[in-house]
Amino acid sequence: MTESVQIVISGRVQGVYFRAFTQKQAKKLNLTGYAKNLSNGDVEIIACGEKSQLEKLVQWCHKGPIMAKVNSVQTRPLTDARSYQGFDIL
């Protein structure tokens, strides 16, 4: 069963290739959606796929790429997420 989740990561997460590494991780986990920078310095991820794979992505987000310094990861399930073809960087 496909599920969707919103993940918001705060800390030093912009300018450290967080979105690119997230895209690589999401593709490896067969997830769709997107990652984008927010104006407040956070990164937002919308991810869709199998629950176990989404949990792996959330777990990865707590660390992120080597140059990132993650302060917090907030998640919430989405019930109205649309269908995505791949995983994009916005």
N, C-alpha and C. Protein backbone atom coordinates (compact mmCIF):
# COMPACT_ATOMS: atom_id res chain seq x y z
N MET A 1 0.84 -1.18 0.00
CA MET A 1 0.00 0.00 0.00
C MET A 1 0.88 1.25 0.00
N THR A 2 0.55 2.18 -0.86
CA THR A 2 1.32 3.41 -0.98
C THR A 2 0.84 4.44 0.03
N GLU A 3 1.79 5.06 0.70
CA GLU A 3 1.51 6.12 1.66
C GLU A 3 2.31 7.35 1.27
N SER A 4 1.94 8.48 1.86
CA SER A 4 2.64 9.75 1.60
C SER A 4 2.95 10.44 2.91
N VAL A 5 4.09 11.12 2.92
CA VAL A 5 4.51 11.81 4.14
C VAL A 5 5.18 13.14 3.77
N GLN A 6 4.99 14.14 4.63
CA GLN A 6 5.73 15.39 4.52
C GLN A 6 6.81 15.35 5.58
N ILE A 7 8.03 15.70 5.19
CA ILE A 7 9.16 15.75 6.11
C ILE A 7 9.75 17.15 6.02
N VAL A 8 9.94 17.79 7.16
CA VAL A 8 10.58 19.11 7.19
C VAL A 8 11.82 18.99 8.07
N ILE A 9 12.96 19.30 7.47
CA ILE A 9 14.25 19.17 8.16
C ILE A 9 14.80 20.57 8.39
N SER A 10 15.23 20.83 9.63
CA SER A 10 15.84 22.12 9.94
C SER A 10 17.26 21.92 10.44
N GLY A 11 18.03 22.98 10.34
CA GLY A 11 19.44 22.95 10.72
C GLY A 11 20.25 23.51 9.56
N ARG A 12 21.49 23.05 9.43
CA ARG A 12 22.31 23.45 8.27
C ARG A 12 22.00 22.44 7.17
N VAL A 13 20.93 22.71 6.42
CA VAL A 13 20.45 21.76 5.42
C VAL A 13 20.36 22.37 4.02
N GLN A 14 20.64 23.65 3.89
CA GLN A 14 20.71 24.27 2.57
C GLN A 14 22.16 24.58 2.25
N GLY A 15 22.52 24.38 0.98
CA GLY A 15 23.89 24.64 0.55
C GLY A 15 24.83 23.49 0.87
N VAL A 16 24.28 22.33 1.24
CA VAL A 16 25.10 21.16 1.57
C VAL A 16 24.65 19.94 0.75
N TYR A 17 23.95 20.19 -0.36
CA TYR A 17 23.47 19.15 -1.28
C TYR A 17 22.44 18.21 -0.63
N PHE A 18 21.70 18.73 0.35
CA PHE A 18 20.71 17.90 1.04
C PHE A 18 19.66 17.39 0.06
N ARG A 19 19.17 18.27 -0.82
CA ARG A 19 18.13 17.86 -1.76
C ARG A 19 18.65 16.82 -2.75
N ALA A 20 19.86 17.00 -3.25
CA ALA A 20 20.42 16.05 -4.22
C ALA A 20 20.64 14.68 -3.58
N PHE A 21 21.16 14.67 -2.36
CA PHE A 21 21.36 13.39 -1.69
C PHE A 21 20.02 12.75 -1.32
N THR A 22 19.02 13.58 -0.99
CA THR A 22 17.69 13.05 -0.71
C THR A 22 17.11 12.40 -1.95
N GLN A 23 17.29 13.05 -3.10
CA GLN A 23 16.80 12.48 -4.35
C GLN A 23 17.44 11.13 -4.62
N LYS A 24 18.74 11.04 -4.43
CA LYS A 24 19.46 9.78 -4.64
C LYS A 24 18.92 8.70 -3.70
N GLN A 25 18.73 9.05 -2.43
CA GLN A 25 18.23 8.11 -1.43
C GLN A 25 16.81 7.67 -1.77
N ALA A 26 15.97 8.62 -2.17
CA ALA A 26 14.57 8.32 -2.50
C ALA A 26 14.49 7.38 -3.70
N LYS A 27 15.31 7.63 -4.70
CA LYS A 27 15.31 6.76 -5.88
C LYS A 27 15.76 5.35 -5.51
N LYS A 28 16.75 5.26 -4.63
CA LYS A 28 17.23 3.95 -4.18
C LYS A 28 16.12 3.20 -3.44
N LEU A 29 15.26 3.94 -2.73
CA LEU A 29 14.17 3.35 -1.96
C LEU A 29 12.88 3.23 -2.77
N ASN A 30 12.94 3.60 -4.05
CA ASN A 30 11.79 3.51 -4.95
C ASN A 30 10.63 4.40 -4.49
N LEU A 31 10.97 5.62 -4.06
CA LEU A 31 9.98 6.59 -3.61
C LEU A 31 9.80 7.67 -4.67
N THR A 32 8.64 8.30 -4.69
CA THR A 32 8.39 9.43 -5.57
C THR A 32 8.09 10.66 -4.74
N GLY A 33 8.13 11.84 -5.37
CA GLY A 33 7.83 13.07 -4.67
C GLY A 33 8.81 14.15 -5.03
N TYR A 34 9.18 14.96 -4.04
CA TYR A 34 10.13 16.05 -4.30
C TYR A 34 10.80 16.52 -3.02
N ALA A 35 11.88 17.27 -3.20
CA ALA A 35 12.57 17.96 -2.10
C ALA A 35 12.76 19.40 -2.54
N LYS A 36 12.47 20.34 -1.64
CA LYS A 36 12.67 21.75 -2.00
C LYS A 36 13.13 22.54 -0.79
N ASN A 37 13.88 23.61 -1.07
CA ASN A 37 14.30 24.55 -0.04
C ASN A 37 13.13 25.44 0.34
N LEU A 38 12.99 25.73 1.62
CA LEU A 38 12.00 26.68 2.09
C LEU A 38 12.68 28.00 2.41
N SER A 39 11.92 29.08 2.38
CA SER A 39 12.50 30.41 2.58
C SER A 39 13.09 30.60 3.98
N ASN A 40 12.67 29.80 4.96
CA ASN A 40 13.19 29.93 6.32
C ASN A 40 14.48 29.13 6.55
N GLY A 41 15.01 28.49 5.50
CA GLY A 41 16.26 27.73 5.62
C GLY A 41 16.07 26.24 5.81
N ASP A 42 14.83 25.79 5.95
CA ASP A 42 14.53 24.36 6.09
C ASP A 42 14.45 23.70 4.71
N VAL A 43 14.40 22.39 4.72
CA VAL A 43 14.14 21.62 3.50
C VAL A 43 12.84 20.85 3.72
N GLU A 44 11.96 20.91 2.72
CA GLU A 44 10.71 20.15 2.77
C GLU A 44 10.80 19.00 1.78
N ILE A 45 10.35 17.84 2.22
CA ILE A 45 10.30 16.65 1.38
C ILE A 45 8.87 16.14 1.38
N ILE A 46 8.34 15.86 0.21
CA ILE A 46 7.10 15.11 0.08
C ILE A 46 7.51 13.79 -0.56
N ALA A 47 7.21 12.69 0.12
CA ALA A 47 7.62 11.38 -0.37
C ALA A 47 6.43 10.42 -0.36
N CYS A 48 6.35 9.60 -1.40
CA CYS A 48 5.27 8.63 -1.54
C CYS A 48 5.88 7.27 -1.85
N GLY A 49 5.32 6.24 -1.22
CA GLY A 49 5.80 4.89 -1.47
C GLY A 49 5.39 3.95 -0.35
N GLU A 50 6.06 2.83 -0.28
CA GLU A 50 5.78 1.82 0.74
C GLU A 50 6.19 2.36 2.11
N LYS A 51 5.39 2.04 3.12
CA LYS A 51 5.63 2.56 4.47
C LYS A 51 7.04 2.24 4.97
N SER A 52 7.50 1.02 4.76
CA SER A 52 8.83 0.64 5.25
C SER A 52 9.93 1.47 4.58
N GLN A 53 9.75 1.80 3.31
CA GLN A 53 10.74 2.60 2.60
C GLN A 53 10.68 4.06 3.05
N LEU A 54 9.47 4.56 3.33
CA LEU A 54 9.34 5.92 3.85
C LEU A 54 10.02 6.04 5.20
N GLU A 55 9.88 5.01 6.04
CA GLU A 55 10.54 5.03 7.35
C GLU A 55 12.05 5.07 7.21
N LYS A 56 12.59 4.38 6.21
CA LYS A 56 14.04 4.42 5.97
C LYS A 56 14.48 5.81 5.54
N LEU A 57 13.67 6.48 4.71
CA LEU A 57 14.01 7.84 4.29
C LEU A 57 13.98 8.79 5.48
N VAL A 58 12.97 8.68 6.32
CA VAL A 58 12.89 9.54 7.51
C VAL A 58 14.10 9.31 8.40
N GLN A 59 14.48 8.06 8.59
CA GLN A 59 15.65 7.74 9.40
C GLN A 59 16.90 8.37 8.79
N TRP A 60 17.05 8.29 7.47
CA TRP A 60 18.20 8.88 6.79
C TRP A 60 18.21 10.40 6.99
N CYS A 61 17.03 11.04 6.97
CA CYS A 61 16.94 12.50 7.11
C CYS A 61 17.49 12.99 8.44
N HIS A 62 17.49 12.17 9.45
CA HIS A 62 18.02 12.58 10.75
C HIS A 62 19.53 12.82 10.69
N LYS A 63 20.19 12.23 9.71
CA LYS A 63 21.62 12.44 9.53
C LYS A 63 21.91 13.29 8.30
N GLY A 64 21.34 12.91 7.17
CA GLY A 64 21.55 13.65 5.92
C GLY A 64 22.95 13.47 5.39
N PRO A 65 23.33 14.29 4.40
CA PRO A 65 24.68 14.21 3.85
C PRO A 65 25.73 14.68 4.86
N ILE A 66 26.97 14.37 4.59
CA ILE A 66 28.06 14.59 5.54
C ILE A 66 28.20 16.05 5.98
N MET A 67 27.94 17.01 5.09
CA MET A 67 28.12 18.42 5.44
C MET A 67 26.92 19.02 6.18
N ALA A 68 25.82 18.27 6.25
CA ALA A 68 24.62 18.79 6.91
C ALA A 68 24.74 18.67 8.43
N LYS A 69 24.01 19.55 9.11
CA LYS A 69 23.87 19.45 10.57
C LYS A 69 22.37 19.56 10.85
N VAL A 70 21.75 18.41 11.04
CA VAL A 70 20.31 18.36 11.23
C VAL A 70 19.96 18.65 12.69
N ASN A 71 19.09 19.64 12.90
CA ASN A 71 18.62 19.97 14.24
C ASN A 71 17.31 19.29 14.57
N SER A 72 16.42 19.21 13.58
CA SER A 72 15.14 18.54 13.82
C SER A 72 14.55 18.00 12.53
N VAL A 73 13.76 16.95 12.68
CA VAL A 73 13.03 16.34 11.57
C VAL A 73 11.59 16.19 12.02
N GLN A 74 10.70 16.87 11.30
CA GLN A 74 9.28 16.78 11.61
C GLN A 74 8.58 16.04 10.47
N THR A 75 7.72 15.11 10.82
CA THR A 75 7.00 14.36 9.80
C THR A 75 5.51 14.41 10.09
N ARG A 76 4.75 14.33 9.01
CA ARG A 76 3.31 14.19 9.15
C ARG A 76 2.78 13.44 7.94
N PRO A 77 1.86 12.51 8.18
CA PRO A 77 1.28 11.77 7.06
C PRO A 77 0.40 12.68 6.21
N LEU A 78 0.35 12.41 4.93
CA LEU A 78 -0.49 13.17 4.01
C LEU A 78 -1.58 12.24 3.48
N THR A 79 -2.79 12.73 3.48
CA THR A 79 -3.90 11.94 2.93
C THR A 79 -4.33 12.45 1.56
N ASP A 80 -3.88 13.65 1.21
CA ASP A 80 -4.31 14.26 -0.05
C ASP A 80 -3.16 14.44 -1.04
N ALA A 81 -2.09 13.68 -0.89
CA ALA A 81 -0.93 13.84 -1.77
C ALA A 81 -1.28 13.37 -3.18
N ARG A 82 -0.75 14.08 -4.15
CA ARG A 82 -0.99 13.68 -5.53
C ARG A 82 0.02 12.64 -5.96
N SER A 83 -0.18 12.12 -7.13
CA SER A 83 0.71 11.09 -7.66
C SER A 83 1.91 11.75 -8.36
N TYR A 84 3.08 11.24 -8.11
CA TYR A 84 4.32 11.76 -8.72
C TYR A 84 4.93 10.70 -9.61
N GLN A 85 5.57 11.15 -10.69
CA GLN A 85 6.20 10.24 -11.63
C GLN A 85 7.58 9.79 -11.17
N GLY A 86 8.30 10.67 -10.53
CA GLY A 86 9.66 10.39 -10.08
C GLY A 86 9.92 11.16 -8.79
N PHE A 87 11.18 11.42 -8.51
CA PHE A 87 11.53 12.23 -7.35
C PHE A 87 12.32 13.43 -7.84
N ASP A 88 11.75 14.62 -7.67
CA ASP A 88 12.32 15.84 -8.24
C ASP A 88 12.95 16.73 -7.18
N ILE A 89 13.84 17.60 -7.65
CA ILE A 89 14.39 18.67 -6.83
C ILE A 89 13.73 19.96 -7.30
N LEU A 90 13.08 20.65 -6.40
CA LEU A 90 12.40 21.90 -6.77
C LEU A 90 13.16 23.09 -6.22
